[in-house]
Amino acid sequence: MSPDDNVLIPVTVLTGFLGSGKTTLLNRLVRQSAMKDALVVINEFGDIGLDHRLVAESDEHTVVEMSSGCLCCTIRGDLSRTVQQACEAIEGEGGKPFSRVIIETTGLADPAPILHTLMTDHWLAHRFSLDGVICLVDSASGISTLNAHRESQRQVAVADRLLLTKTDLVDEERLSRLANHLAAINPAAEQLQVRHGELAAEHVVGSGLPAQGQRAERWLQAASYAQVSSPGVGMAPTTPGGLASMMAPASGPALTRHGEQIRSFCFTVEQPIAPELLEDWLDLLMSLLGDKILRVKAIVKIAGREQPLALHGVQHIFHPPEPLPVEACRDGVSRFVFITNGVAPEAVTQLFDYFQPAPAT
């Protein structure tokens, strides 16, 4: 498989806590025509295999073919090496290249390391692009799991879509409470109900970066978040050393048992942003608070550039900016969506103003 700058293979990360139904869903998905020629990568420490016979059983066979036409391999070490081995095995046997990748994480995994790898690994980044993060949530035990397990909270926080499984086991009142709980953590993620793993593949794929301006609003979902904006040039900026005082207090509706507070908001900038200001701001923001910033999405209007840029970051790591059609930012307003662990919006907005030029006197 050779890199193609014009056609990157989409990758969907499928996450969810133990018992949420990931394997059941995968077993249904791989039988759909939309998944033909897909590569499914699962962790070898998963609860059960896909129909048992679908998982490679030895180091000599890292890739196996499913009756549906999909391929399946297990993570034996790092993700990059696993996918490279899958590509080599397919090419060596003269097989058809896969058209997309589904990565199933373990139930106890924070998905951030996989997203980091997709963004930073040279071999992967030149061949694949993140299409989206899908998180399954058990409707029966979801709230208790979220309250007890940090990993579950982070899985929900970074997701593009939330699939509520086992909905037949709970009543409407309990399901409503779970939906509200999830919305408090991740207000923009679309919530879909799933019964017995039955779900059309189109609801799992297609949540990635906007293509030709058609999905820009859907991808960012900026209107779902609390809106904040830069105080503006001329306001007294907060020094970087003063950011600690703006960290979110240990209280509020999204506070977890572990003392974390998942917060989300949309930061808007009305005027085009100078590229050097954007770079300096994000560099300092990530160096100071990167471990607390779970995910960032943005559509940015750059000064002196007609095309806006799409940005996507996970903690300290940003994917290379991708140019978008002009219509993706018709009003010229830059919008940054932040999902954080205990970072107040003021820590972001005032740090942005720290890099604003001083007003003329």
Protein backbone atom coordinates (compact mmCIF):
# COMPACT_ATOMS: atom_id res chain seq x y z
CA MET A 1 0.00 0.00 0.00
CA SER A 2 1.55 3.31 -1.05
CA PRO A 3 0.64 6.71 0.38
CA ASP A 4 -1.79 8.80 -1.62
CA ASP A 5 -2.06 12.45 -0.63
CA ASN A 6 -5.47 12.75 -2.26
CA VAL A 7 -7.21 9.69 -0.84
CA LEU A 8 -6.74 9.00 2.85
CA ILE A 9 -8.45 5.91 4.25
CA PRO A 10 -11.04 6.81 6.92
CA VAL A 11 -10.60 5.38 10.41
CA THR A 12 -13.40 4.99 12.95
CA VAL A 13 -12.47 4.43 16.60
CA LEU A 14 -15.10 2.35 18.41
CA THR A 15 -14.94 2.70 22.17
CA GLY A 16 -17.13 2.02 25.18
CA PHE A 17 -16.82 0.58 28.66
CA LEU A 18 -16.77 -3.14 29.45
CA GLY A 19 -20.05 -4.81 28.58
CA SER A 20 -21.38 -1.91 26.52
CA GLY A 21 -21.92 -4.11 23.45
CA LYS A 22 -19.02 -3.29 21.11
CA THR A 23 -18.53 -6.89 19.95
CA THR A 24 -22.25 -7.41 19.34
CA LEU A 25 -22.36 -4.23 17.26
CA LEU A 26 -19.28 -5.21 15.26
CA ASN A 27 -20.73 -8.62 14.48
CA ARG A 28 -23.75 -6.88 12.94
CA LEU A 29 -21.80 -4.14 11.18
CA VAL A 30 -19.35 -6.36 9.31
CA ARG A 31 -22.24 -8.13 7.59
CA GLN A 32 -23.45 -4.91 5.96
CA SER A 33 -22.44 -4.04 2.40
CA ALA A 34 -21.16 -0.63 3.53
CA MET A 35 -18.44 -2.43 5.49
CA LYS A 36 -17.23 -4.48 2.52
CA ASP A 37 -13.42 -4.38 2.26
CA ALA A 38 -13.11 -2.85 5.75
CA LEU A 39 -10.29 -3.73 8.13
CA VAL A 40 -11.39 -4.34 11.72
CA VAL A 41 -8.62 -3.99 14.29
CA ILE A 42 -9.41 -5.35 17.74
CA ASN A 43 -7.43 -5.64 20.92
CA GLU A 44 -6.34 -9.21 21.62
CA PHE A 45 -7.38 -8.80 25.25
CA GLY A 46 -11.00 -8.21 24.28
CA ASP A 47 -13.78 -10.06 26.08
CA ILE A 48 -14.64 -12.37 23.17
CA GLY A 49 -13.70 -12.62 19.54
CA LEU A 50 -15.90 -11.66 16.67
CA ASP A 51 -17.87 -14.90 16.30
CA HIS A 52 -14.73 -16.58 17.74
CA ARG A 53 -13.50 -17.76 14.35
CA LEU A 54 -12.85 -14.26 13.06
CA VAL A 55 -9.87 -13.47 15.25
CA ALA A 56 -6.33 -14.41 14.30
CA GLU A 57 -5.20 -17.17 16.63
CA SER A 58 -1.45 -17.07 16.05
CA ASP A 59 1.37 -14.69 15.30
CA GLU A 60 1.71 -16.28 11.86
CA HIS A 61 -1.77 -15.16 10.87
CA THR A 62 -2.29 -11.58 11.90
CA VAL A 63 -5.02 -11.03 9.31
CA VAL A 64 -8.02 -13.24 8.63
CA GLU A 65 -10.81 -12.82 6.11
CA MET A 66 -14.43 -12.73 7.18
CA SER A 67 -17.23 -14.23 5.18
CA SER A 68 -18.57 -10.69 4.66
CA GLY A 69 -15.44 -9.63 2.79
CA CYS A 70 -14.05 -7.66 5.72
CA LEU A 71 -10.66 -8.41 7.20
CA CYS A 72 -9.82 -8.72 10.87
CA CYS A 73 -6.56 -8.42 12.79
CA THR A 74 -5.55 -8.01 16.42
CA ILE A 75 -3.31 -5.42 18.00
CA ARG A 76 -0.08 -7.27 18.81
CA GLY A 77 2.06 -4.39 20.00
CA ASP A 78 1.67 -0.89 18.64
CA LEU A 79 -1.14 0.13 16.31
CA SER A 80 1.09 1.33 13.48
CA ARG A 81 2.95 -1.98 13.23
CA THR A 82 -0.29 -3.94 13.34
CA VAL A 83 -1.83 -2.01 10.45
CA GLN A 84 1.40 -2.18 8.44
CA GLN A 85 1.46 -5.96 8.91
CA ALA A 86 -2.15 -6.13 7.74
CA CYS A 87 -1.30 -4.14 4.61
CA GLU A 88 1.71 -6.35 3.87
CA ALA A 89 -0.33 -9.53 4.36
CA ILE A 90 -3.03 -8.30 1.99
CA GLU A 91 -0.53 -7.20 -0.66
CA GLY A 92 1.43 -10.44 -0.33
CA GLU A 93 -1.66 -12.47 -1.06
CA GLY A 94 -2.80 -10.20 -3.90
CA GLY A 95 -5.90 -9.17 -1.99
CA LYS A 96 -8.01 -6.07 -2.52
CA PRO A 97 -6.89 -3.08 -0.40
CA PHE A 98 -9.26 -2.23 2.43
CA SER A 99 -11.47 0.83 2.08
CA ARG A 100 -11.78 1.85 5.74
CA VAL A 101 -10.59 0.86 9.21
CA ILE A 102 -12.59 0.23 12.38
CA ILE A 103 -10.50 0.15 15.57
CA GLU A 104 -12.15 -1.38 18.63
CA THR A 105 -10.55 -0.28 21.90
CA THR A 106 -10.63 -2.31 25.08
CA GLY A 107 -13.39 -1.45 27.52
CA LEU A 108 -10.96 0.04 30.03
CA ALA A 109 -9.07 2.16 27.50
CA ASP A 110 -8.84 5.92 27.24
CA PRO A 111 -9.12 6.43 23.44
CA ALA A 112 -6.72 9.39 23.47
CA PRO A 113 -3.54 7.31 22.86
CA ILE A 114 -5.04 5.82 19.69
CA LEU A 115 -5.99 9.28 18.44
CA HIS A 116 -2.45 10.47 19.24
CA THR A 117 -0.99 7.62 17.23
CA LEU A 118 -3.20 8.37 14.22
CA MET A 119 -2.10 11.99 14.30
CA THR A 120 1.62 11.60 15.01
CA ASP A 121 2.77 8.34 13.47
CA HIS A 122 4.37 9.24 10.13
CA TRP A 123 3.30 6.07 8.33
CA LEU A 124 -0.29 6.23 9.52
CA ALA A 125 -0.76 9.99 9.12
CA HIS A 126 0.14 9.82 5.42
CA ARG A 127 -2.37 7.06 4.70
CA PHE A 128 -5.26 7.41 7.13
CA SER A 129 -7.53 10.11 8.54
CA LEU A 130 -9.77 10.04 11.60
CA ASP A 131 -13.39 9.72 10.53
CA GLY A 132 -14.79 9.81 14.03
CA VAL A 133 -14.98 8.41 17.55
CA ILE A 134 -18.05 6.30 18.36
CA CYS A 135 -18.76 5.46 22.00
CA LEU A 136 -21.20 2.79 23.20
CA VAL A 137 -22.92 3.31 26.54
CA ASP A 138 -24.84 0.60 28.40
CA SER A 139 -28.26 2.12 29.17
CA ALA A 140 -28.77 -0.10 32.21
CA SER A 141 -25.49 0.67 33.98
CA GLY A 142 -24.36 3.82 32.19
CA ILE A 143 -24.79 6.39 34.96
CA SER A 144 -23.18 4.25 37.65
CA THR A 145 -20.30 3.40 35.30
CA LEU A 146 -19.75 7.07 34.46
CA ASN A 147 -19.75 8.00 38.13
CA ALA A 148 -17.31 5.25 39.06
CA HIS A 149 -14.84 5.08 36.17
CA ARG A 150 -12.67 7.87 34.81
CA GLU A 151 -12.08 5.96 31.56
CA SER A 152 -15.80 5.85 30.82
CA GLN A 153 -16.11 9.61 31.28
CA ARG A 154 -13.27 10.25 28.85
CA GLN A 155 -14.68 7.82 26.30
CA VAL A 156 -17.91 9.80 26.29
CA ALA A 157 -16.19 13.19 26.33
CA VAL A 158 -14.14 12.67 23.16
CA ALA A 159 -16.89 10.92 21.15
CA ASP A 160 -18.52 12.28 18.02
CA ARG A 161 -21.53 9.97 18.44
CA LEU A 162 -22.94 8.10 21.40
CA LEU A 163 -24.74 4.79 20.93
CA LEU A 164 -27.06 3.89 23.80
CA THR A 165 -27.23 0.09 23.94
CA LYS A 166 -29.57 -2.30 25.79
CA THR A 167 -32.33 0.30 25.73
CA ASP A 168 -34.91 -2.50 25.96
CA LEU A 169 -33.78 -3.15 29.54
CA VAL A 170 -34.65 0.30 30.93
CA ASP A 171 -37.74 2.49 31.11
CA GLU A 172 -38.09 5.91 29.48
CA GLU A 173 -37.42 7.82 32.70
CA ARG A 174 -34.10 6.08 33.28
CA LEU A 175 -33.14 6.47 29.64
CA SER A 176 -33.92 10.19 29.80
CA ARG A 177 -31.74 10.62 32.89
CA LEU A 178 -28.85 8.90 31.11
CA ALA A 179 -29.29 11.05 28.01
CA ASN A 180 -29.17 14.21 30.13
CA HIS A 181 -26.12 12.94 31.99
CA LEU A 182 -24.31 12.27 28.71
CA ALA A 183 -25.31 15.66 27.31
CA ALA A 184 -23.80 17.36 30.37
CA ILE A 185 -20.45 15.75 29.51
CA ASN A 186 -20.61 16.00 25.70
CA PRO A 187 -23.50 18.21 24.54
CA ALA A 188 -22.74 18.01 20.81
CA ALA A 189 -22.45 14.25 20.40
CA GLU A 190 -25.42 12.76 18.58
CA GLN A 191 -27.18 10.12 20.70
CA LEU A 192 -28.66 7.06 18.99
CA GLN A 193 -30.49 4.15 20.59
CA VAL A 194 -29.35 0.64 19.66
CA ARG A 195 -31.14 -2.64 20.34
CA HIS A 196 -29.43 -6.01 20.00
CA GLY A 197 -26.56 -4.40 18.08
CA GLU A 198 -28.79 -3.52 15.12
CA LEU A 199 -27.61 -0.27 13.56
CA ALA A 200 -27.05 0.85 9.98
CA ALA A 201 -23.38 1.39 9.16
CA GLU A 202 -24.08 4.96 8.04
CA HIS A 203 -24.64 5.89 11.71
CA VAL A 204 -21.16 4.68 12.62
CA VAL A 205 -19.15 6.18 9.77
CA GLY A 206 -19.08 9.65 8.29
CA SER A 207 -18.51 11.95 11.26
CA GLY A 208 -15.08 13.20 10.17
CA LEU A 209 -13.83 16.48 8.78
CA PRO A 210 -16.22 18.35 6.47
CA ALA A 211 -15.95 17.62 2.77
CA GLN A 212 -16.38 20.58 0.42
CA GLY A 213 -18.24 22.59 3.03
CA GLN A 214 -21.23 20.26 3.18
CA ARG A 215 -20.68 18.97 6.70
CA ALA A 216 -18.84 21.83 8.39
CA GLU A 217 -21.65 22.68 10.81
CA ARG A 218 -22.40 19.03 11.49
CA TRP A 219 -18.75 18.29 12.25
CA LEU A 220 -18.24 21.23 14.62
CA GLN A 221 -21.73 21.42 16.20
CA ALA A 222 -20.71 24.76 17.66
CA ALA A 223 -24.26 25.77 18.57
CA SER A 224 -24.48 22.91 21.07
CA TYR A 225 -21.90 24.46 23.39
CA ALA A 226 -21.88 27.40 25.76
CA GLN A 227 -20.55 30.37 23.82
CA VAL A 228 -17.63 32.50 24.97
CA SER A 229 -15.60 35.08 23.09
CA SER A 230 -12.37 36.98 23.39
CA PRO A 231 -12.70 40.06 25.63
CA GLY A 232 -11.00 41.95 22.80
CA VAL A 233 -7.94 44.01 22.11
CA GLY A 234 -7.27 46.56 24.80
CA MET A 235 -8.48 44.43 27.70
CA ALA A 236 -5.91 43.71 30.37
CA PRO A 237 -4.66 40.20 29.58
CA THR A 238 -3.93 37.61 32.20
CA THR A 239 -0.33 36.50 32.34
CA PRO A 240 0.33 32.82 31.68
CA GLY A 241 1.45 32.37 35.27
CA GLY A 242 -1.97 33.48 36.47
CA LEU A 243 -3.86 30.72 34.68
CA ALA A 244 -3.99 28.49 37.75
CA SER A 245 -6.52 30.84 39.36
CA MET A 246 -8.87 30.29 36.42
CA MET A 247 -9.01 26.51 36.69
CA ALA A 248 -12.55 25.25 37.20
CA PRO A 249 -13.60 24.83 40.84
CA ALA A 250 -14.25 21.32 42.15
CA SER A 251 -18.02 21.62 41.91
CA GLY A 252 -20.78 21.66 39.34
CA PRO A 253 -23.07 19.21 37.58
CA ALA A 254 -20.33 17.44 35.63
CA LEU A 255 -18.13 16.76 38.68
CA THR A 256 -17.14 13.10 38.94
CA ARG A 257 -16.22 10.87 41.85
CA HIS A 258 -12.58 11.25 40.91
CA GLY A 259 -12.67 15.03 41.30
CA GLU A 260 -12.64 15.65 37.55
CA GLN A 261 -14.95 18.11 35.88
CA ILE A 262 -15.64 17.63 32.19
CA ARG A 263 -16.42 21.02 30.71
CA SER A 264 -17.19 22.00 27.14
CA PHE A 265 -17.60 25.35 25.42
CA CYS A 266 -17.23 27.14 22.08
CA PHE A 267 -14.76 30.01 21.86
CA THR A 268 -15.43 32.45 19.00
CA VAL A 269 -13.19 35.09 17.45
CA GLU A 270 -14.91 37.65 15.23
CA GLN A 271 -11.87 38.88 13.31
CA PRO A 272 -9.48 36.84 11.11
CA ILE A 273 -6.61 35.48 13.18
CA ALA A 274 -2.97 36.09 12.28
CA PRO A 275 -1.27 32.73 11.68
CA GLU A 276 1.59 33.49 14.07
CA LEU A 277 -0.88 34.45 16.83
CA LEU A 278 -2.78 31.20 16.32
CA GLU A 279 0.39 29.14 16.48
CA ASP A 280 1.77 30.91 19.57
CA TRP A 281 -1.55 30.73 21.40
CA LEU A 282 -2.11 27.04 20.75
CA ASP A 283 1.50 26.16 21.56
CA LEU A 284 1.34 27.86 24.96
CA LEU A 285 -2.19 26.63 25.66
CA MET A 286 -1.17 23.03 25.03
CA SER A 287 2.09 23.30 26.96
CA LEU A 288 0.29 24.71 30.01
CA LEU A 289 -3.01 22.86 29.92
CA GLY A 290 -2.68 20.16 27.26
CA ASP A 291 -3.20 17.23 29.60
CA LYS A 292 -6.52 18.77 30.66
CA ILE A 293 -7.79 19.51 27.14
CA LEU A 294 -9.42 16.28 26.02
CA ARG A 295 -10.34 17.37 22.52
CA VAL A 296 -10.39 20.47 20.33
CA LYS A 297 -12.17 21.05 17.03
CA ALA A 298 -12.06 24.32 15.15
CA ILE A 299 -12.86 26.04 11.89
CA VAL A 300 -10.55 29.04 11.71
CA LYS A 301 -10.52 32.10 9.48
CA ILE A 302 -6.87 32.99 8.93
CA ALA A 303 -5.85 36.58 8.14
CA GLY A 304 -4.71 36.93 4.53
CA ARG A 305 -6.05 33.53 3.51
CA GLU A 306 -9.25 32.95 1.60
CA GLN A 307 -9.77 29.33 2.66
CA PRO A 308 -10.52 28.61 6.33
CA LEU A 309 -8.70 25.81 8.13
CA ALA A 310 -10.02 22.83 10.05
CA LEU A 311 -8.11 22.02 13.24
CA HIS A 312 -8.41 18.89 15.33
CA GLY A 313 -6.46 18.27 18.53
CA VAL A 314 -6.32 15.73 21.35
CA GLN A 315 -4.54 16.88 24.51
CA HIS A 316 -1.03 18.02 23.45
CA ILE A 317 -1.29 16.86 19.85
CA PHE A 318 -2.80 18.58 16.81
CA HIS A 319 -3.47 16.99 13.46
CA PRO A 320 -1.98 19.04 10.58
CA PRO A 321 -4.47 21.80 9.61
CA GLU A 322 -6.66 20.98 6.63
CA PRO A 323 -7.93 23.65 4.21
CA LEU A 324 -11.69 23.91 3.74
CA PRO A 325 -13.80 25.51 1.02
CA VAL A 326 -14.64 29.19 1.54
CA GLU A 327 -18.29 28.40 2.29
CA ALA A 328 -17.28 26.48 5.43
CA CYS A 329 -16.78 29.84 7.16
CA ARG A 330 -19.01 32.28 5.30
CA ASP A 331 -19.39 34.71 8.21
CA GLY A 332 -15.62 34.93 8.81
CA VAL A 333 -15.99 33.93 12.49
CA SER A 334 -13.49 31.43 13.86
CA ARG A 335 -15.01 28.83 16.19
CA PHE A 336 -13.05 26.60 18.58
CA VAL A 337 -14.86 23.80 20.42
CA PHE A 338 -13.09 22.68 23.61
CA ILE A 339 -13.85 19.62 25.74
CA THR A 340 -11.75 19.87 28.88
CA ASN A 341 -11.10 18.37 32.27
CA GLY A 342 -11.41 21.25 34.71
CA VAL A 343 -10.35 24.16 32.47
CA ALA A 344 -12.46 27.30 32.78
CA PRO A 345 -13.29 29.14 29.54
CA GLU A 346 -11.50 32.22 30.87
CA ALA A 347 -8.22 30.30 30.84
CA VAL A 348 -8.60 29.98 27.08
CA THR A 349 -10.00 33.39 26.20
CA GLN A 350 -7.62 35.47 28.31
CA LEU A 351 -4.60 33.50 27.15
CA PHE A 352 -5.69 34.29 23.58
CA ASP A 353 -5.76 37.98 24.46
CA TYR A 354 -2.30 37.70 25.93
CA PHE A 355 -1.03 37.41 22.34
CA GLN A 356 -3.14 40.24 20.97
CA PRO A 357 -1.17 43.31 19.91
CA ALA A 358 -1.34 46.22 22.29
CA PRO A 359 -3.77 48.98 21.24
CA ALA A 360 -2.27 52.02 19.53
CA THR A 361 -1.79 55.00 21.80
